Amino acid sequence: MPIMAARLYDKGKLVRDLGPDEAIPDECAEGEFFWLGLYEPTPGELERVAQRFGLHPLAVEDALKANQLPKADVYGDQLFVIARAANLDGDTIQPGETAIFLGRHFLVSVRHGSARGHAEVRARLESSPALLGHGPDYVLHAILDFIVDGYFPVIDAIEDRLLLVEDSVMDTPLDAQEIRHLYAQRHEIIRFQRIAGLMKDLTWKLATTQLPGIDEPVRPFFRDVWDHVQRAEFRLAGLRDIAAGVVETNGLLEQQRQGVITRQLAAWAAILAVPTAIAGIYGMNFLHMPELHWGLGYPFALGLMASVCGLLYWRFKRIGWL
């Protein structure tokens, strides 16, 4: 069985590790609880754990699917919680899932996909027996807090990339591939924001609702996790606005560049139209035309073309078209 940890605690202190083949005692004394951590168990492996702790079949089914949204369900005197983690793989946010079964004297965590194990959480809790002495409900808080804290490195990395793009778009317009990549990044942010919103609802429910296995002294800790999720959701909303703003700014700058080019082309077309018109007139095969037999007629026509073109160039340059 993929057991990451199987430990017995008494009043916040580690009693002993349970071996993979060691039977878990049927009863716990007051102040004792088990913490069993599993990583991607098979249906048969999780079924044996379910029989030992009396887990509800529907909760076991959800824990095996590994594609559930954050939620908290009550099954008798047990609480079933699903939380979603987030890992950044290149430009893609890879979700992870942790299903947690909470009873009065046990906590079973089933982790899928997430690369961040709970060894750090266990070490931190075991170094603070006073906090761990609250029981398995405090362990639930610690796991959720660990998962939510993992959101912020992902958010920081995405924010750094978007800010670089935002700075560069002022100098260099985005090409089609960069725009597609930016839209894909924005979709990832929206998906992440949706998960964060559901996690906020989950932690608020744990902090304010009477649920089995959660004692009143532990509720303020869930409020702290709710506050962290709220800050993550707020930052994700800002990142989504930055991504949309970069695309909008790129479009406006591109329109401005196209406007400049259009004005330049129009100015040069107006300048070139003058010699074209004069040359076209003098190219007609009429007998009676102005200055046709004048010796300086040809230089005069060229001078006229140059003078008008120079006047137009000066005028367009002054108004900023050239």
C-alpha atoms as a PDB file:
ATOM      1  CA  MET A   1       0.000   0.000   0.000  1.00  0.00           C
ATOM      2  CA  PRO A   2       1.382   3.492  -0.868  1.00  0.00           C
ATOM      3  CA  ILE A   3       1.479   4.668   2.742  1.00  0.00           C
ATOM      4  CA  MET A   4       3.427   7.898   3.102  1.00  0.00           C
ATOM      5  CA  ALA A   5       2.920   8.032   6.871  1.00  0.00           C
ATOM      6  CA  ALA A   6       1.010   6.057   9.498  1.00  0.00           C
ATOM      7  CA  ARG A   7       1.476   7.488  12.942  1.00  0.00           C
ATOM      8  CA  LEU A   8      -0.202   7.338  16.308  1.00  0.00           C
ATOM      9  CA  TYR A   9      -0.277  10.472  18.473  1.00  0.00           C
ATOM     10  CA  ASP A  10      -1.227  10.987  22.081  1.00  0.00           C
ATOM     11  CA  LYS A  11      -1.932  14.501  23.356  1.00  0.00           C
ATOM     12  CA  GLY A  12       0.106  16.029  20.541  1.00  0.00           C
ATOM     13  CA  LYS A  13       3.135  13.772  20.918  1.00  0.00           C
ATOM     14  CA  LEU A  14       4.213  11.060  18.517  1.00  0.00           C
ATOM     15  CA  VAL A  15       3.762   7.643  20.089  1.00  0.00           C
ATOM     16  CA  ARG A  16       5.091   5.496  17.264  1.00  0.00           C
ATOM     17  CA  ASP A  17       5.032   4.788  13.550  1.00  0.00           C
ATOM     18  CA  LEU A  18       2.851   1.962  12.346  1.00  0.00           C
ATOM     19  CA  GLY A  19       4.430  -0.425   9.858  1.00  0.00           C
ATOM     20  CA  PRO A  20       2.771  -1.054   6.484  1.00  0.00           C
ATOM     21  CA  ASP A  21       1.583  -4.500   7.596  1.00  0.00           C
ATOM     22  CA  GLU A  22       0.803  -3.576  11.192  1.00  0.00           C
ATOM     23  CA  ALA A  23      -2.837  -3.637  12.228  1.00  0.00           C
ATOM     24  CA  ILE A  24      -4.260  -0.364  13.468  1.00  0.00           C
ATOM     25  CA  PRO A  25      -5.813  -0.732  16.922  1.00  0.00           C
ATOM     26  CA  ASP A  26      -9.594  -0.723  16.950  1.00  0.00           C
ATOM     27  CA  GLU A  27      -9.935   1.785  19.766  1.00  0.00           C
ATOM     28  CA  CYS A  28      -8.147   4.954  20.812  1.00  0.00           C
ATOM     29  CA  ALA A  29      -7.814   6.385  24.257  1.00  0.00           C
ATOM     30  CA  GLU A  30      -8.845   9.966  24.957  1.00  0.00           C
ATOM     31  CA  GLY A  31      -6.325  12.314  23.339  1.00  0.00           C
ATOM     32  CA  GLU A  32      -5.057   9.703  20.875  1.00  0.00           C
ATOM     33  CA  PHE A  33      -5.548   9.802  17.102  1.00  0.00           C
ATOM     34  CA  PHE A  34      -4.127   8.287  13.923  1.00  0.00           C
ATOM     35  CA  TRP A  35      -2.791  10.141  10.944  1.00  0.00           C
ATOM     36  CA  LEU A  36      -2.653   7.970   7.861  1.00  0.00           C
ATOM     37  CA  GLY A  37      -1.279   9.491   4.650  1.00  0.00           C
ATOM     38  CA  LEU A  38      -1.789   7.724   1.300  1.00  0.00           C
ATOM     39  CA  TYR A  39      -0.511   8.614  -2.157  1.00  0.00           C
ATOM     40  CA  GLU A  40      -2.558   7.518  -5.191  1.00  0.00           C
ATOM     41  CA  PRO A  41      -3.852   4.242  -3.697  1.00  0.00           C
ATOM     42  CA  THR A  42      -5.592   1.623  -5.802  1.00  0.00           C
ATOM     43  CA  PRO A  43      -9.322   0.949  -5.231  1.00  0.00           C
ATOM     44  CA  GLY A  44      -8.509  -2.238  -3.330  1.00  0.00           C
ATOM     45  CA  GLU A  45      -5.983  -0.511  -1.087  1.00  0.00           C
ATOM     46  CA  LEU A  46      -8.332   2.329  -0.221  1.00  0.00           C
ATOM     47  CA  GLU A  47     -11.179  -0.121   0.324  1.00  0.00           C
ATOM     48  CA  ARG A  48      -9.208  -1.859   3.082  1.00  0.00           C
ATOM     49  CA  VAL A  49      -8.646   1.498   4.771  1.00  0.00           C
ATOM     50  CA  ALA A  50     -12.350   2.319   4.363  1.00  0.00           C
ATOM     51  CA  GLN A  51     -13.351  -0.913   6.080  1.00  0.00           C
ATOM     52  CA  ARG A  52     -11.001  -0.228   8.984  1.00  0.00           C
ATOM     53  CA  PHE A  53     -12.270   3.329   9.613  1.00  0.00           C
ATOM     54  CA  GLY A  54     -15.852   2.901   8.429  1.00  0.00           C
ATOM     55  CA  LEU A  55     -15.557   5.406   5.579  1.00  0.00           C
ATOM     56  CA  HIS A  56     -18.651   6.092   3.496  1.00  0.00           C
ATOM     57  CA  PRO A  57     -18.620   4.441   0.028  1.00  0.00           C
ATOM     58  CA  LEU A  58     -19.557   7.686  -1.747  1.00  0.00           C
ATOM     59  CA  ALA A  59     -16.664   9.504  -0.113  1.00  0.00           C
ATOM     60  CA  VAL A  60     -14.298   6.669  -1.021  1.00  0.00           C
ATOM     61  CA  GLU A  61     -15.504   6.849  -4.633  1.00  0.00           C
ATOM     62  CA  ASP A  62     -14.832  10.599  -4.765  1.00  0.00           C
ATOM     63  CA  ALA A  63     -11.393  10.138  -3.225  1.00  0.00           C
ATOM     64  CA  LEU A  64     -10.459   7.674  -5.984  1.00  0.00           C
ATOM     65  CA  LYS A  65     -11.689   9.800  -8.907  1.00  0.00           C
ATOM     66  CA  ALA A  66      -9.143  12.564  -8.299  1.00  0.00           C
ATOM     67  CA  ASN A  67     -11.104  15.065 -10.388  1.00  0.00           C
ATOM     68  CA  GLN A  68     -13.372  16.588  -7.767  1.00  0.00           C
ATOM     69  CA  LEU A  69     -13.827  20.250  -6.911  1.00  0.00           C
ATOM     70  CA  PRO A  70     -13.147  21.540  -3.386  1.00  0.00           C
ATOM     71  CA  LYS A  71     -15.969  20.647  -0.996  1.00  0.00           C
ATOM     72  CA  ALA A  72     -16.838  19.439   2.504  1.00  0.00           C
ATOM     73  CA  ASP A  73     -19.428  16.663   2.965  1.00  0.00           C
ATOM     74  CA  VAL A  74     -20.779  15.192   6.178  1.00  0.00           C
ATOM     75  CA  TYR A  75     -21.260  11.442   6.512  1.00  0.00           C
ATOM     76  CA  GLY A  76     -22.634  10.670   9.950  1.00  0.00           C
ATOM     77  CA  ASP A  77     -19.991  11.566  12.523  1.00  0.00           C
ATOM     78  CA  GLN A  78     -17.290  11.887   9.857  1.00  0.00           C
ATOM     79  CA  LEU A  79     -16.277  14.797   7.655  1.00  0.00           C
ATOM     80  CA  PHE A  80     -15.008  14.368   4.107  1.00  0.00           C
ATOM     81  CA  VAL A  81     -13.009  17.249   2.587  1.00  0.00           C
ATOM     82  CA  ILE A  82     -11.512  17.686  -0.868  1.00  0.00           C
ATOM     83  CA  ALA A  83      -8.877  20.373  -1.455  1.00  0.00           C
ATOM     84  CA  ARG A  84      -7.111  21.319  -4.677  1.00  0.00           C
ATOM     85  CA  ALA A  85      -3.418  22.085  -4.893  1.00  0.00           C
ATOM     86  CA  ALA A  86      -1.621  23.886  -7.721  1.00  0.00           C
ATOM     87  CA  ASN A  87       1.784  23.249  -9.296  1.00  0.00           C
ATOM     88  CA  LEU A  88       3.344  25.243 -12.129  1.00  0.00           C
ATOM     89  CA  ASP A  89       4.698  23.052 -14.937  1.00  0.00           C
ATOM     90  CA  GLY A  90       6.181  25.386 -17.527  1.00  0.00           C
ATOM     91  CA  ASP A  91       3.304  27.688 -18.435  1.00  0.00           C
ATOM     92  CA  THR A  92       0.606  25.244 -17.331  1.00  0.00           C
ATOM     93  CA  ILE A  93      -0.924  25.055 -13.868  1.00  0.00           C
ATOM     94  CA  GLN A  94      -1.138  21.373 -12.994  1.00  0.00           C
ATOM     95  CA  PRO A  95      -3.816  20.755 -10.353  1.00  0.00           C
ATOM     96  CA  GLY A  96      -3.374  18.305  -7.530  1.00  0.00           C
ATOM     97  CA  GLU A  97      -6.003  16.926  -5.217  1.00  0.00           C
ATOM     98  CA  THR A  98      -6.044  15.856  -1.588  1.00  0.00           C
ATOM     99  CA  ALA A  99      -9.040  14.050  -0.134  1.00  0.00           C
ATOM    100  CA  ILE A 100      -9.239  14.032   3.664  1.00  0.00           C
ATOM    101  CA  PHE A 101     -11.388  11.803   5.879  1.00  0.00           C
ATOM    102  CA  LEU A 102     -11.786  13.283   9.353  1.00  0.00           C
ATOM    103  CA  GLY A 103     -13.071  11.382  12.356  1.00  0.00           C
ATOM    104  CA  ARG A 104     -12.938  11.987  16.062  1.00  0.00           C
ATOM    105  CA  HIS A 105      -9.778   9.883  16.468  1.00  0.00           C
ATOM    106  CA  PHE A 106      -8.319   9.656  12.977  1.00  0.00           C
ATOM    107  CA  LEU A 107      -7.410  11.542   9.832  1.00  0.00           C
ATOM    108  CA  VAL A 108      -6.808   9.824   6.500  1.00  0.00           C
ATOM    109  CA  SER A 109      -5.379  11.910   3.650  1.00  0.00           C
ATOM    110  CA  VAL A 110      -5.387  10.648   0.061  1.00  0.00           C
ATOM    111  CA  ARG A 111      -3.146  12.656  -2.242  1.00  0.00           C
ATOM    112  CA  HIS A 112      -3.285  12.643  -6.047  1.00  0.00           C
ATOM    113  CA  GLY A 113      -1.070  14.461  -8.514  1.00  0.00           C
ATOM    114  CA  SER A 114       0.494  17.032  -6.217  1.00  0.00           C
ATOM    115  CA  ALA A 115       4.282  16.884  -6.091  1.00  0.00           C
ATOM    116  CA  ARG A 116       4.336  18.488  -2.635  1.00  0.00           C
ATOM    117  CA  GLY A 117       4.104  15.840   0.047  1.00  0.00           C
ATOM    118  CA  HIS A 118       2.995  16.436   3.620  1.00  0.00           C
ATOM    119  CA  ALA A 119       6.274  15.516   5.308  1.00  0.00           C
ATOM    120  CA  GLU A 120       6.945  19.202   5.970  1.00  0.00           C
ATOM    121  CA  VAL A 121       3.540  19.570   7.603  1.00  0.00           C
ATOM    122  CA  ARG A 122       4.106  16.555   9.834  1.00  0.00           C
ATOM    123  CA  ALA A 123       7.536  17.758  10.895  1.00  0.00           C
ATOM    124  CA  ARG A 124       6.215  21.216  11.760  1.00  0.00           C
ATOM    125  CA  LEU A 125       3.275  19.860  13.745  1.00  0.00           C
ATOM    126  CA  GLU A 126       5.336  17.299  15.616  1.00  0.00           C
ATOM    127  CA  SER A 127       7.662  20.090  16.714  1.00  0.00           C
ATOM    128  CA  SER A 128       4.649  21.851  18.322  1.00  0.00           C
ATOM    129  CA  PRO A 129       2.875  19.297  20.541  1.00  0.00           C
ATOM    130  CA  ALA A 130       0.643  22.005  22.016  1.00  0.00           C
ATOM    131  CA  LEU A 131      -0.892  22.696  18.595  1.00  0.00           C
ATOM    132  CA  LEU A 132      -0.957  19.063  17.520  1.00  0.00           C
ATOM    133  CA  GLY A 133      -2.703  18.312  20.808  1.00  0.00           C
ATOM    134  CA  HIS A 134      -5.859  19.948  19.404  1.00  0.00           C
ATOM    135  CA  GLY A 135      -6.385  16.704  17.489  1.00  0.00           C
ATOM    136  CA  PRO A 136      -7.042  15.661  13.891  1.00  0.00           C
ATOM    137  CA  ASP A 137      -9.111  18.770  13.158  1.00  0.00           C
ATOM    138  CA  TYR A 138      -5.985  20.887  13.617  1.00  0.00           C
ATOM    139  CA  VAL A 139      -4.130  18.525  11.259  1.00  0.00           C
ATOM    140  CA  LEU A 140      -6.876  19.195   8.695  1.00  0.00           C
ATOM    141  CA  HIS A 141      -6.256  22.915   9.115  1.00  0.00           C
ATOM    142  CA  ALA A 142      -2.502  22.438   8.731  1.00  0.00           C
ATOM    143  CA  ILE A 143      -2.919  20.463   5.487  1.00  0.00           C
ATOM    144  CA  LEU A 144      -5.281  23.066   4.025  1.00  0.00           C
ATOM    145  CA  ASP A 145      -2.946  25.865   5.082  1.00  0.00           C
ATOM    146  CA  PHE A 146      -0.028  24.039   3.443  1.00  0.00           C
ATOM    147  CA  ILE A 147      -1.985  23.599   0.208  1.00  0.00           C
ATOM    148  CA  VAL A 148      -3.091  27.237   0.087  1.00  0.00           C
ATOM    149  CA  ASP A 149       0.399  28.530   0.852  1.00  0.00           C
ATOM    150  CA  GLY A 150       1.521  26.598  -2.215  1.00  0.00           C
ATOM    151  CA  TYR A 151      -0.657  28.870  -4.358  1.00  0.00           C
ATOM    152  CA  PHE A 152       1.535  31.907  -3.823  1.00  0.00           C
ATOM    153  CA  PRO A 153       4.773  30.685  -5.500  1.00  0.00           C
ATOM    154  CA  VAL A 154       2.647  29.821  -8.548  1.00  0.00           C
ATOM    155  CA  ILE A 155       1.012  33.255  -8.485  1.00  0.00           C
ATOM    156  CA  ASP A 156       4.409  34.969  -8.077  1.00  0.00           C
ATOM    157  CA  ALA A 157       5.870  33.124 -11.073  1.00  0.00           C
ATOM    158  CA  ILE A 158       2.897  33.985 -13.300  1.00  0.00           C
ATOM    159  CA  GLU A 159       2.963  37.599 -12.139  1.00  0.00           C
ATOM    160  CA  ASP A 160       6.670  37.968 -12.956  1.00  0.00           C
ATOM    161  CA  ARG A 161       6.112  36.655 -16.486  1.00  0.00           C
ATOM    162  CA  LEU A 162       3.118  38.883 -17.126  1.00  0.00           C
ATOM    163  CA  LEU A 163       4.932  41.972 -15.879  1.00  0.00           C
ATOM    164  CA  LEU A 164       7.824  41.250 -18.258  1.00  0.00           C
ATOM    165  CA  VAL A 165       5.385  40.975 -21.157  1.00  0.00           C
ATOM    166  CA  GLU A 166       3.636  44.147 -20.025  1.00  0.00           C
ATOM    167  CA  ASP A 167       6.932  46.055 -20.057  1.00  0.00           C
ATOM    168  CA  SER A 168       8.038  44.692 -23.426  1.00  0.00           C
ATOM    169  CA  VAL A 169       4.765  45.394 -25.238  1.00  0.00           C
ATOM    170  CA  MET A 170       5.411  49.143 -24.977  1.00  0.00           C
ATOM    171  CA  ASP A 171       8.485  48.753 -27.206  1.00  0.00           C
ATOM    172  CA  THR A 172       7.793  45.693 -29.341  1.00  0.00           C
ATOM    173  CA  PRO A 173       4.349  44.599 -30.522  1.00  0.00           C
ATOM    174  CA  LEU A 174       3.320  41.038 -29.742  1.00  0.00           C
ATOM    175  CA  ASP A 175       3.269  38.587 -32.606  1.00  0.00           C
ATOM    176  CA  ALA A 176       0.484  36.052 -33.181  1.00  0.00           C
ATOM    177  CA  GLN A 177       2.222  33.286 -31.214  1.00  0.00           C
ATOM    178  CA  GLU A 178       2.801  35.534 -28.215  1.00  0.00           C
ATOM    179  CA  ILE A 179      -0.843  36.640 -28.237  1.00  0.00           C
ATOM    180  CA  ARG A 180      -2.027  33.015 -28.336  1.00  0.00           C
ATOM    181  CA  HIS A 181       0.327  32.196 -25.460  1.00  0.00           C
ATOM    182  CA  LEU A 182      -1.022  35.152 -23.475  1.00  0.00           C
ATOM    183  CA  TYR A 183      -4.610  34.026 -24.007  1.00  0.00           C
ATOM    184  CA  ALA A 184      -3.674  30.504 -22.885  1.00  0.00           C
ATOM    185  CA  GLN A 185      -2.058  31.984 -19.775  1.00  0.00           C
ATOM    186  CA  ARG A 186      -5.213  33.978 -19.071  1.00  0.00           C
ATOM    187  CA  HIS A 187      -7.323  30.818 -19.322  1.00  0.00           C
ATOM    188  CA  GLU A 188      -5.010  29.119 -16.803  1.00  0.00           C
ATOM    189  CA  ILE A 189      -5.465  32.059 -14.434  1.00  0.00           C
ATOM    190  CA  ILE A 190      -9.265  31.877 -14.787  1.00  0.00           C
ATOM    191  CA  ARG A 191      -9.248  28.145 -14.004  1.00  0.00           C
ATOM    192  CA  PHE A 192      -6.979  28.758 -11.015  1.00  0.00           C
ATOM    193  CA  GLN A 193      -9.215  31.589  -9.808  1.00  0.00           C
ATOM    194  CA  ARG A 194     -12.255  29.312  -9.971  1.00  0.00           C
ATOM    195  CA  ILE A 195     -10.507  26.724  -7.785  1.00  0.00           C
ATOM    196  CA  ALA A 196      -9.398  29.430  -5.347  1.00  0.00           C
ATOM    197  CA  GLY A 197     -12.985  30.667  -5.087  1.00  0.00           C
ATOM    198  CA  LEU A 198     -14.226  27.179  -4.207  1.00  0.00           C
ATOM    199  CA  MET A 199     -11.406  26.774  -1.688  1.00  0.00           C
ATOM    200  CA  LYS A 200     -12.494  30.047  -0.095  1.00  0.00           C
ATOM    201  CA  ASP A 201     -16.045  28.735   0.222  1.00  0.00           C
ATOM    202  CA  LEU A 202     -14.706  25.497   1.703  1.00  0.00           C
ATOM    203  CA  THR A 203     -12.566  27.169   4.355  1.00  0.00           C
ATOM    204  CA  TRP A 204     -15.367  29.587   5.258  1.00  0.00           C
ATOM    205  CA  LYS A 205     -17.705  26.638   5.770  1.00  0.00           C
ATOM    206  CA  LEU A 206     -15.158  24.936   8.015  1.00  0.00           C
ATOM    207  CA  ALA A 207     -14.681  28.153   9.988  1.00  0.00           C
ATOM    208  CA  THR A 208     -18.336  29.033  10.534  1.00  0.00           C
ATOM    209  CA  THR A 209     -20.456  25.874  10.311  1.00  0.00           C
ATOM    210  CA  GLN A 210     -20.991  23.264  12.964  1.00  0.00           C
ATOM    211  CA  LEU A 211     -19.381  20.160  11.470  1.00  0.00           C
ATOM    212  CA  PRO A 212     -18.479  16.804  13.009  1.00  0.00           C
ATOM    213  CA  GLY A 213     -14.893  16.426  14.118  1.00  0.00           C
ATOM    214  CA  ILE A 214     -14.152  20.166  14.261  1.00  0.00           C
ATOM    215  CA  ASP A 215     -13.995  21.714  17.715  1.00  0.00           C
ATOM    216  CA  GLU A 216     -14.731  25.338  18.450  1.00  0.00           C
ATOM    217  CA  PRO A 217     -11.143  26.270  19.489  1.00  0.00           C
ATOM    218  CA  VAL A 218      -9.864  25.241  16.034  1.00  0.00           C
ATOM    219  CA  ARG A 219     -12.307  27.359  14.000  1.00  0.00           C
ATOM    220  CA  PRO A 220     -10.176  30.548  14.146  1.00  0.00           C
ATOM    221  CA  PHE A 221      -7.385  28.641  12.405  1.00  0.00           C
ATOM    222  CA  PHE A 222      -9.689  27.902   9.466  1.00  0.00           C
ATOM    223  CA  ARG A 223     -10.556  31.592   9.314  1.00  0.00           C
ATOM    224  CA  ASP A 224      -6.846  32.276   8.879  1.00  0.00           C
ATOM    225  CA  VAL A 225      -6.719  29.849   5.932  1.00  0.00           C
ATOM    226  CA  TRP A 226      -9.811  31.555   4.492  1.00  0.00           C
ATOM    227  CA  ASP A 227      -7.980  34.878   4.679  1.00  0.00           C
ATOM    228  CA  HIS A 228      -5.008  33.405   2.786  1.00  0.00           C
ATOM    229  CA  VAL A 229      -7.270  32.032   0.056  1.00  0.00           C
ATOM    230  CA  GLN A 230      -9.000  35.395  -0.224  1.00  0.00           C
ATOM    231  CA  ARG A 231      -5.657  37.111  -0.791  1.00  0.00           C
ATOM    232  CA  ALA A 232      -4.725  34.524  -3.412  1.00  0.00           C
ATOM    233  CA  GLU A 233      -8.043  35.033  -5.191  1.00  0.00           C
ATOM    234  CA  PHE A 234      -7.558  38.820  -5.124  1.00  0.00           C
ATOM    235  CA  ARG A 235      -4.110  38.516  -6.683  1.00  0.00           C
ATOM    236  CA  LEU A 236      -5.424  36.142  -9.357  1.00  0.00           C
ATOM    237  CA  ALA A 237      -8.083  38.685 -10.272  1.00  0.00           C
ATOM    238  CA  GLY A 238      -5.310  41.239 -10.674  1.00  0.00           C
ATOM    239  CA  LEU A 239      -3.303  38.876 -12.894  1.00  0.00           C
ATOM    240  CA  ARG A 240      -6.335  38.277 -15.082  1.00  0.00           C
ATOM    241  CA  ASP A 241      -6.742  42.046 -15.473  1.00  0.00           C
ATOM    242  CA  ILE A 242      -3.051  42.407 -16.341  1.00  0.00           C
ATOM    243  CA  ALA A 243      -3.313  39.723 -19.049  1.00  0.00           C
ATOM    244  CA  ALA A 244      -6.403  41.385 -20.512  1.00  0.00           C
ATOM    245  CA  GLY A 245      -4.770  44.800 -20.260  1.00  0.00           C
ATOM    246  CA  VAL A 246      -1.649  43.641 -22.105  1.00  0.00           C
ATOM    247  CA  VAL A 247      -3.759  42.361 -25.006  1.00  0.00           C
ATOM    248  CA  GLU A 248      -5.790  45.588 -25.072  1.00  0.00           C
ATOM    249  CA  THR A 249      -2.681  47.781 -24.874  1.00  0.00           C
ATOM    250  CA  ASN A 250      -1.023  45.799 -27.652  1.00  0.00           C
ATOM    251  CA  GLY A 251      -4.116  46.330 -29.825  1.00  0.00           C
ATOM    252  CA  LEU A 252      -4.207  50.070 -29.133  1.00  0.00           C
ATOM    253  CA  LEU A 253      -0.491  50.484 -29.834  1.00  0.00           C
ATOM    254  CA  GLU A 254      -0.838  48.484 -33.037  1.00  0.00           C
ATOM    255  CA  GLN A 255      -3.712  50.720 -34.130  1.00  0.00           C
ATOM    256  CA  GLN A 256      -1.596  53.765 -33.325  1.00  0.00           C
ATOM    257  CA  ARG A 257       1.330  52.388 -35.362  1.00  0.00           C
ATOM    258  CA  GLN A 258      -0.982  51.617 -38.253  1.00  0.00           C
ATOM    259  CA  GLY A 259      -2.396  55.144 -38.040  1.00  0.00           C
ATOM    260  CA  VAL A 260       1.102  56.604 -38.252  1.00  0.00           C
ATOM    261  CA  ILE A 261       1.913  54.483 -41.283  1.00  0.00           C
ATOM    262  CA  THR A 262      -1.394  55.407 -42.913  1.00  0.00           C
ATOM    263  CA  ARG A 263      -0.712  59.121 -42.420  1.00  0.00           C
ATOM    264  CA  GLN A 264       2.798  58.743 -43.846  1.00  0.00           C
ATOM    265  CA  LEU A 265       1.511  56.921 -46.907  1.00  0.00           C
ATOM    266  CA  ALA A 266      -1.205  59.540 -47.395  1.00  0.00           C
ATOM    267  CA  ALA A 267       1.355  62.359 -47.128  1.00  0.00           C
ATOM    268  CA  TRP A 268       3.731  60.782 -49.642  1.00  0.00           C
ATOM    269  CA  ALA A 269       0.807  60.045 -51.960  1.00  0.00           C
ATOM    270  CA  ALA A 270      -0.202  63.715 -51.825  1.00  0.00           C
ATOM    271  CA  ILE A 271       3.351  64.840 -52.556  1.00  0.00           C
ATOM    272  CA  LEU A 272       3.754  62.444 -55.470  1.00  0.00           C
ATOM    273  CA  ALA A 273       0.356  63.448 -56.865  1.00  0.00           C
ATOM    274  CA  VAL A 274       1.650  66.967 -57.677  1.00  0.00           C
ATOM    275  CA  PRO A 275       4.364  66.017 -60.211  1.00  0.00           C
ATOM    276  CA  THR A 276       2.119  63.297 -61.535  1.00  0.00           C
ATOM    277  CA  ALA A 277      -0.658  65.796 -62.217  1.00  0.00           C
ATOM    278  CA  ILE A 278       1.634  68.406 -63.809  1.00  0.00           C
ATOM    279  CA  ALA A 279       3.446  65.823 -65.906  1.00  0.00           C
ATOM    280  CA  GLY A 280       0.120  64.380 -66.957  1.00  0.00           C
ATOM    281  CA  ILE A 281      -1.124  67.757 -68.149  1.00  0.00           C
ATOM    282  CA  TYR A 282       2.013  68.517 -70.140  1.00  0.00           C
ATOM    283  CA  GLY A 283       1.975  65.031 -71.575  1.00  0.00           C
ATOM    284  CA  MET A 284      -1.247  65.719 -73.484  1.00  0.00           C
ATOM    285  CA  ASN A 285      -0.842  66.144 -77.245  1.00  0.00           C
ATOM    286  CA  PHE A 286      -2.585  69.493 -77.610  1.00  0.00           C
ATOM    287  CA  LEU A 287      -1.300  72.247 -79.851  1.00  0.00           C
ATOM    288  CA  HIS A 288      -2.216  75.218 -77.676  1.00  0.00           C
ATOM    289  CA  MET A 289      -0.841  74.679 -74.144  1.00  0.00           C
ATOM    290  CA  PRO A 290       0.608  77.197 -71.626  1.00  0.00           C
ATOM    291  CA  GLU A 291       4.308  77.935 -72.136  1.00  0.00           C
ATOM    292  CA  LEU A 292       4.569  75.241 -74.803  1.00  0.00           C
ATOM    293  CA  HIS A 293       6.894  77.294 -77.027  1.00  0.00           C
ATOM    294  CA  TRP A 294       8.698  79.082 -74.173  1.00  0.00           C
ATOM    295  CA  GLY A 295      12.368  78.224 -73.903  1.00  0.00           C
ATOM    296  CA  LEU A 296      12.237  78.043 -70.067  1.00  0.00           C
ATOM    297  CA  GLY A 297       8.964  76.095 -69.967  1.00  0.00           C
ATOM    298  CA  TYR A 298      10.610  72.784 -69.136  1.00  0.00           C
ATOM    299  CA  PRO A 299      12.709  74.147 -66.205  1.00  0.00           C
ATOM    300  CA  PHE A 300       9.660  76.090 -65.060  1.00  0.00           C
ATOM    301  CA  ALA A 301       7.534  72.883 -64.907  1.00  0.00           C
ATOM    302  CA  LEU A 302      10.250  71.055 -62.948  1.00  0.00           C
ATOM    303  CA  GLY A 303      10.662  73.993 -60.604  1.00  0.00           C
ATOM    304  CA  LEU A 304       6.935  74.171 -60.049  1.00  0.00           C
ATOM    305  CA  MET A 305       6.837  70.468 -59.209  1.00  0.00           C
ATOM    306  CA  ALA A 306       9.767  70.782 -56.779  1.00  0.00           C
ATOM    307  CA  SER A 307       8.331  73.891 -55.106  1.00  0.00           C
ATOM    308  CA  VAL A 308       4.872  72.420 -54.511  1.00  0.00           C
ATOM    309  CA  CYS A 309       6.323  69.100 -53.340  1.00  0.00           C
ATOM    310  CA  GLY A 310       8.684  70.913 -50.973  1.00  0.00           C
ATOM    311  CA  LEU A 311       5.836  73.002 -49.588  1.00  0.00           C
ATOM    312  CA  LEU A 312       3.722  69.895 -48.977  1.00  0.00           C
ATOM    313  CA  TYR A 313       6.650  68.066 -47.348  1.00  0.00           C
ATOM    314  CA  TRP A 314       7.245  71.012 -45.000  1.00  0.00           C
ATOM    315  CA  ARG A 315       3.561  71.161 -44.103  1.00  0.00           C
ATOM    316  CA  PHE A 316       3.222  67.416 -43.428  1.00  0.00           C
ATOM    317  CA  LYS A 317       6.436  67.429 -41.414  1.00  0.00           C
ATOM    318  CA  ARG A 318       5.168  70.271 -39.264  1.00  0.00           C
ATOM    319  CA  ILE A 319       1.892  68.529 -38.391  1.00  0.00           C
ATOM    320  CA  GLY A 320       3.673  65.262 -37.615  1.00  0.00           C
ATOM    321  CA  TRP A 321       2.589  63.168 -40.551  1.00  0.00           C
ATOM    322  CA  LEU A 322       6.179  62.666 -41.728  1.00  0.00           C
END
